[in-house]
PDB file of N, CA and C in Angstrom:
ATOM      1  N   UNK A   1     -10.933  11.578  13.428  1.00  0.00           N
ATOM      2  CA  UNK A   1     -11.001  11.391  12.353  1.00  0.00           C
ATOM      3  C   UNK A   1     -12.422  11.833  11.819  1.00  0.00           C
ATOM      4  N   UNK A   2     -12.367  11.868  10.424  1.00  0.00           N
ATOM      5  CA  UNK A   2     -13.955  12.819  10.135  1.00  0.00           C
ATOM      6  C   UNK A   2     -15.071  11.536  10.244  1.00  0.00           C
ATOM      7  N   UNK A   3     -16.053  11.697  10.546  1.00  0.00           N
ATOM      8  CA  UNK A   3     -17.237  11.036  10.434  1.00  0.00           C
ATOM      9  C   UNK A   3     -16.844  10.008   9.224  1.00  0.00           C
ATOM     10  N   UNK A   4     -16.904  10.299   7.933  1.00  0.00           N
ATOM     11  CA  UNK A   4     -16.460   9.498   7.091  1.00  0.00           C
ATOM     12  C   UNK A   4     -15.809   8.657   7.091  1.00  0.00           C
ATOM     13  N   UNK A   5     -14.728   8.606   7.643  1.00  0.00           N
ATOM     14  CA  UNK A   5     -14.203   7.583   8.321  1.00  0.00           C
ATOM     15  C   UNK A   5     -14.705   6.297   8.455  1.00  0.00           C
ATOM     16  N   UNK A   6     -15.518   6.550   9.438  1.00  0.00           N
ATOM     17  CA  UNK A   6     -16.474   5.737   9.996  1.00  0.00           C
ATOM     18  C   UNK A   6     -17.453   4.672   9.313  1.00  0.00           C
ATOM     19  N   UNK A   7     -18.239   5.904   8.524  1.00  0.00           N
ATOM     20  CA  UNK A   7     -19.148   5.885   7.892  1.00  0.00           C
ATOM     21  C   UNK A   7     -18.605   4.592   6.996  1.00  0.00           C
ATOM     22  N   UNK A   8     -17.450   4.661   6.078  1.00  0.00           N
ATOM     23  CA  UNK A   8     -17.000   3.740   5.284  1.00  0.00           C
ATOM     24  C   UNK A   8     -16.109   2.385   5.733  1.00  0.00           C
ATOM     25  N   UNK A   9     -15.965   2.457   6.679  1.00  0.00           N
ATOM     26  CA  UNK A   9     -15.644   1.021   7.472  1.00  0.00           C
ATOM     27  C   UNK A   9     -16.236  -0.175   7.106  1.00  0.00           C
ATOM     28  N   UNK A  10     -17.779  -0.086   7.373  1.00  0.00           N
ATOM     29  CA  UNK A  10     -18.503  -1.603   6.585  1.00  0.00           C
ATOM     30  C   UNK A  10     -18.133  -1.553   5.110  1.00  0.00           C
ATOM     31  N   UNK A  11     -17.721  -0.694   4.450  1.00  0.00           N
ATOM     32  CA  UNK A  11     -17.296  -1.172   2.851  1.00  0.00           C
ATOM     33  C   UNK A  11     -16.226  -1.708   2.692  1.00  0.00           C
ATOM     34  N   UNK A  12     -15.498  -2.019   3.809  1.00  0.00           N
ATOM     35  CA  UNK A  12     -14.339  -2.689   3.633  1.00  0.00           C
ATOM     36  C   UNK A  12     -14.245  -4.124   3.689  1.00  0.00           C
ATOM     37  N   UNK A  13     -15.462  -4.541   3.927  1.00  0.00           N
ATOM     38  CA  UNK A  13     -15.987  -6.084   3.992  1.00  0.00           C
ATOM     39  C   UNK A  13     -15.894  -6.767   2.730  1.00  0.00           C
ATOM     40  N   UNK A  14     -16.434  -5.590   1.697  1.00  0.00           N
ATOM     41  CA  UNK A  14     -16.160  -5.858   0.499  1.00  0.00           C
ATOM     42  C   UNK A  14     -15.480  -6.042  -0.738  1.00  0.00           C
ATOM     43  N   UNK A  15     -14.003  -5.213   0.038  1.00  0.00           N
ATOM     44  CA  UNK A  15     -12.767  -4.706  -0.583  1.00  0.00           C
ATOM     45  C   UNK A  15     -12.273  -5.941  -1.331  1.00  0.00           C
ATOM     46  N   UNK A  16     -11.770  -5.565  -2.561  1.00  0.00           N
ATOM     47  CA  UNK A  16     -10.483  -6.369  -3.330  1.00  0.00           C
ATOM     48  C   UNK A  16      -9.179  -6.413  -3.017  1.00  0.00           C
ATOM     49  N   UNK A  17      -8.769  -5.340  -2.438  1.00  0.00           N
ATOM     50  CA  UNK A  17      -7.233  -5.161  -2.117  1.00  0.00           C
ATOM     51  C   UNK A  17      -7.658  -3.986  -1.007  1.00  0.00           C
ATOM     52  N   UNK A  18      -6.410  -4.588  -0.104  1.00  0.00           N
ATOM     53  CA  UNK A  18      -6.082  -3.084   1.024  1.00  0.00           C
ATOM     54  C   UNK A  18      -4.963  -3.029   0.768  1.00  0.00           C
ATOM     55  N   UNK A  19      -4.316  -1.545   0.496  1.00  0.00           N
ATOM     56  CA  UNK A  19      -2.943  -1.288   0.224  1.00  0.00           C
ATOM     57  C   UNK A  19      -2.699  -0.157   1.946  1.00  0.00           C
ATOM     58  N   UNK A  20      -1.794  -0.955   2.610  1.00  0.00           N
ATOM     59  CA  UNK A  20      -1.513  -0.506   3.696  1.00  0.00           C
ATOM     60  C   UNK A  20      -0.163   0.668   3.569  1.00  0.00           C
ATOM     61  N   UNK A  21       0.089   1.547   3.157  1.00  0.00           N
ATOM     62  CA  UNK A  21       1.337   2.185   2.871  1.00  0.00           C
ATOM     63  C   UNK A  21       1.716   3.704   3.858  1.00  0.00           C
ATOM     64  N   UNK A  22       3.003   3.480   4.432  1.00  0.00           N
ATOM     65  CA  UNK A  22       3.672   4.264   5.061  1.00  0.00           C
ATOM     66  C   UNK A  22       3.020   4.723   6.427  1.00  0.00           C
ATOM     67  N   UNK A  23       2.638   3.918   7.032  1.00  0.00           N
ATOM     68  CA  UNK A  23       2.169   3.672   8.597  1.00  0.00           C
ATOM     69  C   UNK A  23       2.680   2.799   9.421  1.00  0.00           C
ATOM     70  N   UNK A  24       2.541   3.343  10.918  1.00  0.00           N
ATOM     71  CA  UNK A  24       3.302   2.438  11.901  1.00  0.00           C
ATOM     72  C   UNK A  24       1.904   1.421  12.361  1.00  0.00           C
ATOM     73  N   UNK A  25       1.030   1.237  12.095  1.00  0.00           N
ATOM     74  CA  UNK A  25      -0.367   0.894  12.354  1.00  0.00           C
ATOM     75  C   UNK A  25      -0.439   1.164  13.992  1.00  0.00           C
ATOM     76  N   UNK A  26       0.192   1.923  14.417  1.00  0.00           N
ATOM     77  CA  UNK A  26      -0.032   1.912  15.946  1.00  0.00           C
ATOM     78  C   UNK A  26      -1.061   3.095  16.668  1.00  0.00           C
ATOM     79  N   UNK A  27      -1.678   3.829  15.714  1.00  0.00           N
ATOM     80  CA  UNK A  27      -2.676   4.855  16.304  1.00  0.00           C
ATOM     81  C   UNK A  27      -4.364   4.169  15.879  1.00  0.00           C
ATOM     82  N   UNK A  28      -4.779   3.923  16.936  1.00  0.00           N
ATOM     83  CA  UNK A  28      -6.166   3.491  16.889  1.00  0.00           C
ATOM     84  C   UNK A  28      -7.293   5.075  16.669  1.00  0.00           C
ATOM     85  N   UNK A  29      -8.295   4.863  15.686  1.00  0.00           N
ATOM     86  CA  UNK A  29      -8.993   3.669  15.023  1.00  0.00           C
ATOM     87  C   UNK A  29      -8.530   3.489  13.848  1.00  0.00           C
ATOM     88  N   UNK A  30      -7.531   3.997  13.002  1.00  0.00           N
ATOM     89  CA  UNK A  30      -7.280   4.248  11.944  1.00  0.00           C
ATOM     90  C   UNK A  30      -6.722   2.945  11.521  1.00  0.00           C
ATOM     91  N   UNK A  31      -5.697   1.988  12.606  1.00  0.00           N
ATOM     92  CA  UNK A  31      -4.865   0.923  12.318  1.00  0.00           C
ATOM     93  C   UNK A  31      -5.983  -0.472  12.066  1.00  0.00           C
ATOM     94  N   UNK A  32      -7.048  -0.201  12.727  1.00  0.00           N
ATOM     95  CA  UNK A  32      -7.801  -0.942  12.800  1.00  0.00           C
ATOM     96  C   UNK A  32      -8.700  -1.442  11.175  1.00  0.00           C
ATOM     97  N   UNK A  33      -7.940  -0.807  10.140  1.00  0.00           N
ATOM     98  CA  UNK A  33      -8.356  -1.240   9.059  1.00  0.00           C
ATOM     99  C   UNK A  33      -8.127  -2.484   8.432  1.00  0.00           C
ATOM    100  N   UNK A  34      -6.862  -2.963   8.957  1.00  0.00           N
ATOM    101  CA  UNK A  34      -6.644  -4.119   8.326  1.00  0.00           C
ATOM    102  C   UNK A  34      -7.277  -5.101   9.097  1.00  0.00           C
ATOM    103  N   UNK A  35      -7.807  -5.029  10.064  1.00  0.00           N
ATOM    104  CA  UNK A  35      -8.607  -6.374  10.546  1.00  0.00           C
ATOM    105  C   UNK A  35     -10.362  -6.092  10.013  1.00  0.00           C
ATOM    106  N   UNK A  36     -10.690  -5.377   9.353  1.00  0.00           N
ATOM    107  CA  UNK A  36     -12.319  -5.099   8.748  1.00  0.00           C
ATOM    108  C   UNK A  36     -12.195  -5.712   7.380  1.00  0.00           C
ATOM    109  N   UNK A  37     -11.096  -5.888   6.550  1.00  0.00           N
ATOM    110  CA  UNK A  37     -11.254  -6.991   5.419  1.00  0.00           C
ATOM    111  C   UNK A  37     -11.297  -8.332   5.448  1.00  0.00           C
ATOM    112  N   UNK A  38     -12.051  -8.782   4.408  1.00  0.00           N
ATOM    113  CA  UNK A  38     -12.091 -10.181   4.430  1.00  0.00           C
ATOM    114  C   UNK A  38     -10.970 -11.236   4.503  1.00  0.00           C
ATOM    115  N   UNK A  39     -10.895 -12.457   5.382  1.00  0.00           N
ATOM    116  CA  UNK A  39      -9.413 -12.997   5.213  1.00  0.00           C
ATOM    117  C   UNK A  39      -9.492 -13.138   3.896  1.00  0.00           C
ATOM    118  N   UNK A  40     -10.040 -13.302   2.668  1.00  0.00           N
ATOM    119  CA  UNK A  40      -9.500 -13.498   1.328  1.00  0.00           C
ATOM    120  C   UNK A  40      -9.241 -12.393   0.665  1.00  0.00           C
ATOM    121  N   UNK A  41      -9.196 -11.200   1.429  1.00  0.00           N
ATOM    122  CA  UNK A  41      -8.681  -9.737   0.806  1.00  0.00           C
ATOM    123  C   UNK A  41      -7.422  -9.573   0.934  1.00  0.00           C
ATOM    124  N   UNK A  42      -6.459  -9.375   0.095  1.00  0.00           N
ATOM    125  CA  UNK A  42      -4.687  -9.577  -0.116  1.00  0.00           C
ATOM    126  C   UNK A  42      -4.973  -8.125   0.747  1.00  0.00           C
ATOM    127  N   UNK A  43      -3.808  -7.701   1.378  1.00  0.00           N
ATOM    128  CA  UNK A  43      -3.454  -6.767   2.104  1.00  0.00           C
ATOM    129  C   UNK A  43      -2.040  -6.849   1.439  1.00  0.00           C
ATOM    130  N   UNK A  44      -1.965  -5.266   0.710  1.00  0.00           N
ATOM    131  CA  UNK A  44      -0.391  -5.080   0.542  1.00  0.00           C
ATOM    132  C   UNK A  44       0.099  -4.049   1.911  1.00  0.00           C
ATOM    133  N   UNK A  45       0.844  -4.441   1.949  1.00  0.00           N
ATOM    134  CA  UNK A  45       1.979  -3.427   3.193  1.00  0.00           C
ATOM    135  C   UNK A  45       3.043  -3.120   2.414  1.00  0.00           C
ATOM    136  N   UNK A  46       2.846  -1.647   1.954  1.00  0.00           N
ATOM    137  CA  UNK A  46       3.701  -0.795   1.517  1.00  0.00           C
ATOM    138  C   UNK A  46       4.748   0.411   2.745  1.00  0.00           C
ATOM    139  N   UNK A  47       5.634  -0.452   3.389  1.00  0.00           N
ATOM    140  CA  UNK A  47       6.327   0.028   4.489  1.00  0.00           C
ATOM    141  C   UNK A  47       7.897  -0.491   4.408  1.00  0.00           C
ATOM    142  N   UNK A  48       8.690   0.216   5.173  1.00  0.00           N
ATOM    143  CA  UNK A  48       9.940  -0.359   4.931  1.00  0.00           C
ATOM    144  C   UNK A  48      10.357  -0.945   6.210  1.00  0.00           C
ATOM    145  N   UNK A  49       9.553  -0.796   7.247  1.00  0.00           N
ATOM    146  CA  UNK A  49       9.315  -1.789   8.270  1.00  0.00           C
ATOM    147  C   UNK A  49       8.479  -2.848   8.392  1.00  0.00           C
ATOM    148  N   UNK A  50       8.235  -4.149   9.013  1.00  0.00           N
ATOM    149  CA  UNK A  50       7.157  -4.959   9.210  1.00  0.00           C
ATOM    150  C   UNK A  50       6.183  -4.119  10.552  1.00  0.00           C
ATOM    151  N   UNK A  51       5.074  -4.183  10.194  1.00  0.00           N
ATOM    152  CA  UNK A  51       4.158  -3.304  11.023  1.00  0.00           C
ATOM    153  C   UNK A  51       2.763  -4.355  11.083  1.00  0.00           C
ATOM    154  N   UNK A  52       2.163  -4.142  11.939  1.00  0.00           N
ATOM    155  CA  UNK A  52       0.764  -4.775  12.176  1.00  0.00           C
ATOM    156  C   UNK A  52       0.690  -6.074  12.627  1.00  0.00           C
ATOM    157  N   UNK A  53       1.990  -6.762  12.999  1.00  0.00           N
ATOM    158  CA  UNK A  53       1.645  -7.989  13.449  1.00  0.00           C
ATOM    159  C   UNK A  53       0.994  -8.360  14.621  1.00  0.00           C
ATOM    160  N   UNK A  54       0.704  -6.724  15.560  1.00  0.00           N
ATOM    161  CA  UNK A  54       0.067  -7.096  16.730  1.00  0.00           C
ATOM    162  C   UNK A  54      -1.746  -7.265  16.390  1.00  0.00           C
ATOM    163  N   UNK A  55      -1.957  -7.006  14.815  1.00  0.00           N
ATOM    164  CA  UNK A  55      -3.135  -6.786  14.493  1.00  0.00           C
ATOM    165  C   UNK A  55      -3.295  -7.707  13.637  1.00  0.00           C
ATOM    166  N   UNK A  56      -2.802  -8.835  13.789  1.00  0.00           N
ATOM    167  CA  UNK A  56      -2.960  -9.819  12.753  1.00  0.00           C
ATOM    168  C   UNK A  56      -2.196  -9.965  11.640  1.00  0.00           C
ATOM    169  N   UNK A  57      -1.088  -9.330  10.702  1.00  0.00           N
ATOM    170  CA  UNK A  57      -0.470  -9.121   9.679  1.00  0.00           C
ATOM    171  C   UNK A  57       0.242  -9.708   9.850  1.00  0.00           C
ATOM    172  N   UNK A  58       0.738 -10.409   9.103  1.00  0.00           N
ATOM    173  CA  UNK A  58       1.683 -11.319   8.799  1.00  0.00           C
ATOM    174  C   UNK A  58       2.697 -11.794   7.938  1.00  0.00           C
ATOM    175  N   UNK A  59       3.873 -12.213   8.040  1.00  0.00           N
ATOM    176  CA  UNK A  59       4.672 -11.734   7.101  1.00  0.00           C
ATOM    177  C   UNK A  59       5.764 -13.406   6.742  1.00  0.00           C
ATOM    178  N   UNK A  60       6.184 -13.484   5.523  1.00  0.00           N
ATOM    179  CA  UNK A  60       6.824 -14.776   5.602  1.00  0.00           C
ATOM    180  C   UNK A  60       6.084 -15.622   4.528  1.00  0.00           C
ATOM    181  N   UNK A  61       6.550 -16.903   4.152  1.00  0.00           N
ATOM    182  CA  UNK A  61       6.100 -17.769   3.128  1.00  0.00           C
ATOM    183  C   UNK A  61       4.818 -18.284   3.498  1.00  0.00           C
ATOM    184  N   UNK A  62       4.460 -18.556   4.454  1.00  0.00           N
ATOM    185  CA  UNK A  62       3.429 -19.029   5.140  1.00  0.00           C
ATOM    186  C   UNK A  62       2.419 -18.119   4.816  1.00  0.00           C
ATOM    187  N   UNK A  63       2.096 -16.901   4.473  1.00  0.00           N
ATOM    188  CA  UNK A  63       1.219 -16.189   4.793  1.00  0.00           C
ATOM    189  C   UNK A  63       0.635 -15.867   3.310  1.00  0.00           C
ATOM    190  N   UNK A  64      -0.878 -16.248   3.440  1.00  0.00           N
ATOM    191  CA  UNK A  64      -1.739 -16.243   1.903  1.00  0.00           C
ATOM    192  C   UNK A  64      -2.732 -14.881   1.602  1.00  0.00           C
ATOM    193  N   UNK A  65      -2.517 -14.307   2.842  1.00  0.00           N
ATOM    194  CA  UNK A  65      -3.187 -12.937   2.440  1.00  0.00           C
ATOM    195  C   UNK A  65      -2.537 -11.604   2.455  1.00  0.00           C
ATOM    196  N   UNK A  66      -1.321 -11.635   3.345  1.00  0.00           N
ATOM    197  CA  UNK A  66      -0.787 -10.426   3.377  1.00  0.00           C
ATOM    198  C   UNK A  66       1.238 -10.425   2.174  1.00  0.00           C
ATOM    199  N   UNK A  67       1.173  -9.112   1.705  1.00  0.00           N
ATOM    200  CA  UNK A  67       2.543  -9.144   0.825  1.00  0.00           C
ATOM    201  C   UNK A  67       2.910  -7.990   1.519  1.00  0.00           C
ATOM    202  N   UNK A  68       4.375  -7.708   1.705  1.00  0.00           N
ATOM    203  CA  UNK A  68       4.785  -7.082   2.196  1.00  0.00           C
ATOM    204  C   UNK A  68       5.987  -6.844   1.117  1.00  0.00           C
ATOM    205  N   UNK A  69       6.311  -5.205   0.676  1.00  0.00           N
ATOM    206  CA  UNK A  69       7.177  -4.984  -0.596  1.00  0.00           C
ATOM    207  C   UNK A  69       8.500  -4.714   0.123  1.00  0.00           C
ATOM    208  N   UNK A  70       9.034  -5.054   1.173  1.00  0.00           N
ATOM    209  CA  UNK A  70      10.147  -5.077   2.076  1.00  0.00           C
ATOM    210  C   UNK A  70      10.515  -3.845   2.257  1.00  0.00           C
ATOM    211  N   UNK A  71      11.880  -3.400   1.874  1.00  0.00           N
ATOM    212  CA  UNK A  71      12.653  -2.540   2.751  1.00  0.00           C
ATOM    213  C   UNK A  71      12.593  -1.354   1.851  1.00  0.00           C
ATOM    214  N   UNK A  72      11.967  -1.544   0.767  1.00  0.00           N
ATOM    215  CA  UNK A  72      11.828  -0.174  -0.530  1.00  0.00           C
ATOM    216  C   UNK A  72      11.138   0.805   0.500  1.00  0.00           C
ATOM    217  N   UNK A  73      11.095   2.073  -0.154  1.00  0.00           N
ATOM    218  CA  UNK A  73      10.683   3.284  -0.127  1.00  0.00           C
ATOM    219  C   UNK A  73       9.314   3.371  -0.731  1.00  0.00           C
ATOM    220  N   UNK A  74       8.194   3.743  -0.109  1.00  0.00           N
ATOM    221  CA  UNK A  74       6.871   3.918  -0.945  1.00  0.00           C
ATOM    222  C   UNK A  74       6.783   4.197  -2.268  1.00  0.00           C
ATOM    223  N   UNK A  75       7.753   5.454  -2.515  1.00  0.00           N
ATOM    224  CA  UNK A  75       8.004   5.668  -3.772  1.00  0.00           C
ATOM    225  C   UNK A  75       8.623   4.312  -4.919  1.00  0.00           C
ATOM    226  N   UNK A  76       9.468   3.773  -4.280  1.00  0.00           N
ATOM    227  CA  UNK A  76      10.177   2.750  -5.278  1.00  0.00           C
ATOM    228  C   UNK A  76       8.799   1.435  -5.042  1.00  0.00           C
ATOM    229  N   UNK A  77       8.160   1.417  -4.082  1.00  0.00           N
ATOM    230  CA  UNK A  77       6.742   0.156  -3.884  1.00  0.00           C
ATOM    231  C   UNK A  77       5.894   0.652  -5.249  1.00  0.00           C
ATOM    232  N   UNK A  78       5.423   1.854  -5.139  1.00  0.00           N
ATOM    233  CA  UNK A  78       4.427   2.066  -5.860  1.00  0.00           C
ATOM    234  C   UNK A  78       5.134   2.491  -7.407  1.00  0.00           C
ATOM    235  N   UNK A  79       5.920   2.593  -7.498  1.00  0.00           N
ATOM    236  CA  UNK A  79       6.779   2.587  -9.230  1.00  0.00           C
ATOM    237  C   UNK A  79       6.372   1.213  -9.537  1.00  0.00           C
ATOM    238  N   UNK A  80       7.463  -0.009  -8.605  1.00  0.00           N
ATOM    239  CA  UNK A  80       7.216  -1.525  -8.863  1.00  0.00           C
ATOM    240  C   UNK A  80       5.521  -1.530  -9.392  1.00  0.00           C
ATOM    241  N   UNK A  81       4.711  -0.993  -8.783  1.00  0.00           N
ATOM    242  CA  UNK A  81       3.370  -1.549  -8.735  1.00  0.00           C
ATOM    243  C   UNK A  81       2.662  -1.144  -9.906  1.00  0.00           C
ATOM    244  N   UNK A  82       3.385   0.355 -10.449  1.00  0.00           N
ATOM    245  CA  UNK A  82       2.918   0.653 -11.848  1.00  0.00           C
ATOM    246  C   UNK A  82       3.453   0.053 -12.791  1.00  0.00           C
ATOM    247  N   UNK A  83       4.831  -0.587 -13.070  1.00  0.00           N
ATOM    248  CA  UNK A  83       5.592  -1.318 -13.861  1.00  0.00           C
ATOM    249  C   UNK A  83       4.390  -2.428 -13.973  1.00  0.00           C
ATOM    250  N   UNK A  84       3.990  -2.912 -12.777  1.00  0.00           N
ATOM    251  CA  UNK A  84       3.741  -4.555 -13.125  1.00  0.00           C
ATOM    252  C   UNK A  84       2.039  -4.662 -13.416  1.00  0.00           C
ATOM    253  N   UNK A  85       1.843  -3.203 -13.170  1.00  0.00           N
ATOM    254  CA  UNK A  85       0.618  -3.182 -13.780  1.00  0.00           C
ATOM    255  C   UNK A  85       0.275  -2.865 -15.295  1.00  0.00           C
ATOM    256  N   UNK A  86       1.376  -1.978 -15.958  1.00  0.00           N
ATOM    257  CA  UNK A  86       1.522  -1.901 -17.219  1.00  0.00           C
ATOM    258  C   UNK A  86       1.053  -0.070 -17.218  1.00  0.00           C
ATOM    259  N   UNK A  87       1.095   0.364 -16.076  1.00  0.00           N
ATOM    260  CA  UNK A  87       0.898   1.474 -16.275  1.00  0.00           C
ATOM    261  C   UNK A  87       1.590   2.949 -17.068  1.00  0.00           C
ATOM    262  N   UNK A  88       2.701   2.789 -17.228  1.00  0.00           N
ATOM    263  CA  UNK A  88       4.033   3.326 -17.529  1.00  0.00           C
ATOM    264  C   UNK A  88       3.281   4.694 -18.490  1.00  0.00           C
ATOM    265  N   UNK A  89       2.728   4.283 -19.083  1.00  0.00           N
ATOM    266  CA  UNK A  89       2.253   5.434 -20.017  1.00  0.00           C
ATOM    267  C   UNK A  89       1.477   6.111 -19.460  1.00  0.00           C
ATOM    268  N   UNK A  90       0.787   6.020 -18.558  1.00  0.00           N
ATOM    269  CA  UNK A  90      -0.133   6.893 -17.879  1.00  0.00           C
ATOM    270  C   UNK A  90       0.689   7.919 -16.602  1.00  0.00           C
ATOM    271  N   UNK A  91       1.839   7.346 -16.563  1.00  0.00           N
ATOM    272  CA  UNK A  91       3.002   8.050 -15.628  1.00  0.00           C
ATOM    273  C   UNK A  91       3.534   8.737 -16.295  1.00  0.00           C
ATOM    274  N   UNK A  92       4.185   8.395 -17.770  1.00  0.00           N
ATOM    275  CA  UNK A  92       4.712   9.521 -18.479  1.00  0.00           C
ATOM    276  C   UNK A  92       3.610  10.651 -18.948  1.00  0.00           C
ATOM    277  N   UNK A  93       2.589  10.409 -19.195  1.00  0.00           N
ATOM    278  CA  UNK A  93       1.650  11.649 -19.332  1.00  0.00           C
ATOM    279  C   UNK A  93       1.409  12.602 -18.313  1.00  0.00           C
ATOM    280  N   UNK A  94       1.464  11.983 -16.736  1.00  0.00           N
ATOM    281  CA  UNK A  94       2.008  13.151 -15.923  1.00  0.00           C
ATOM    282  C   UNK A  94       2.832  13.487 -15.248  1.00  0.00           C
ATOM    283  N   UNK A  95       4.216  13.307 -15.621  1.00  0.00           N
ATOM    284  CA  UNK A  95       5.217  13.235 -15.057  1.00  0.00           C
ATOM    285  C   UNK A  95       5.681  14.932 -15.309  1.00  0.00           C
ATOM    286  N   UNK A  96       5.306  15.734 -15.853  1.00  0.00           N
ATOM    287  CA  UNK A  96       5.572  16.872 -15.705  1.00  0.00           C
ATOM    288  C   UNK A  96       4.791  17.556 -14.413  1.00  0.00           C
ATOM    289  N   UNK A  97       3.714  16.926 -13.486  1.00  0.00           N
ATOM    290  CA  UNK A  97       3.352  16.977 -12.328  1.00  0.00           C
ATOM    291  C   UNK A  97       4.178  16.544 -11.076  1.00  0.00           C
ATOM    292  N   UNK A  98       5.183  15.550 -11.471  1.00  0.00           N
ATOM    293  CA  UNK A  98       5.781  15.008 -10.008  1.00  0.00           C
ATOM    294  C   UNK A  98       6.871  15.778  -9.643  1.00  0.00           C
ATOM    295  N   UNK A  99       7.074  15.717  -8.587  1.00  0.00           N
ATOM    296  CA  UNK A  99       8.478  16.155  -7.985  1.00  0.00           C
ATOM    297  C   UNK A  99       9.476  15.941  -8.003  1.00  0.00           C
ATOM    298  N   UNK A 100      10.954  16.610  -8.129  1.00  0.00           N
ATOM    299  CA  UNK A 100      12.104  16.194  -8.734  1.00  0.00           C
ATOM    300  C   UNK A 100      12.364  14.866  -8.277  1.00  0.00           C
ATOM    301  N   UNK A 101      11.700  14.488  -6.925  1.00  0.00           N
ATOM    302  CA  UNK A 101      12.621  13.203  -6.335  1.00  0.00           C
ATOM    303  C   UNK A 101      11.662  12.117  -7.347  1.00  0.00           C
ATOM    304  N   UNK A 102      10.962  11.878  -7.550  1.00  0.00           N
ATOM    305  CA  UNK A 102      10.366  10.982  -8.496  1.00  0.00           C
ATOM    306  C   UNK A 102      10.341  10.842  -9.966  1.00  0.00           C
ATOM    307  N   UNK A 103      10.576  12.443 -10.439  1.00  0.00           N
ATOM    308  CA  UNK A 103      11.618  12.222 -11.551  1.00  0.00           C
ATOM    309  C   UNK A 103      12.602  11.066 -11.862  1.00  0.00           C
ATOM    310  N   UNK A 104      13.502  11.629 -10.611  1.00  0.00           N
ATOM    311  CA  UNK A 104      14.883  10.816 -10.386  1.00  0.00           C
ATOM    312  C   UNK A 104      14.686   9.230 -10.376  1.00  0.00           C
ATOM    313  N   UNK A 105      13.398   8.951  -9.853  1.00  0.00           N
ATOM    314  CA  UNK A 105      13.457   7.393  -9.775  1.00  0.00           C
ATOM    315  C   UNK A 105      12.926   7.018 -11.029  1.00  0.00           C
ATOM    316  N   UNK A 106      11.950   7.551 -11.703  1.00  0.00           N
ATOM    317  CA  UNK A 106      11.451   7.297 -12.763  1.00  0.00           C
ATOM    318  C   UNK A 106      12.552   7.330 -13.659  1.00  0.00           C
ATOM    319  N   UNK A 107      13.514   8.083 -13.659  1.00  0.00           N
ATOM    320  CA  UNK A 107      14.955   8.241 -15.110  1.00  0.00           C
ATOM    321  C   UNK A 107      15.671   6.745 -14.917  1.00  0.00           C
ATOM    322  N   UNK A 108      15.786   6.254 -13.296  1.00  0.00           N
ATOM    323  CA  UNK A 108      16.419   5.361 -13.126  1.00  0.00           C
ATOM    324  C   UNK A 108      15.683   4.109 -13.373  1.00  0.00           C
ATOM    325  N   UNK A 109      14.729   4.061 -13.712  1.00  0.00           N
ATOM    326  CA  UNK A 109      13.996   2.987 -13.884  1.00  0.00           C
ATOM    327  C   UNK A 109      13.446   3.285 -15.733  1.00  0.00           C
ATOM    328  N   UNK A 110      13.898   4.007 -16.636  1.00  0.00           N
ATOM    329  CA  UNK A 110      13.900   3.962 -17.796  1.00  0.00           C
ATOM    330  C   UNK A 110      12.371   4.438 -18.242  1.00  0.00           C
ATOM    331  N   UNK A 111      12.011   5.679 -17.299  1.00  0.00           N
ATOM    332  CA  UNK A 111      10.434   6.018 -18.150  1.00  0.00           C
ATOM    333  C   UNK A 111      11.051   7.507 -17.744  1.00  0.00           C
TER     334      UNK A 111
END
């Protein structure tokens, strides 16, 4: 990993949200980022499988820090996030830049 990765690790202590997307969290030192945020920082796990349990990521109703998007693809999960945040118009403006697979997903959601 480049030096910039290690230089930015301390800034994770002040993160408002950590998004972990499309990774097995098996490769060190990149997998350590889940342990660098404060316990009050939500961690959004965007992955088809549960990952990082050995690193402290928790699943189920009892967790207050971790949110798992379930078995949906990264594309589906991020589209859901876009809709929840009300960013549909921003996506419409850039849809000409998106690959065909994303356009089909947008179409299925009425965008």
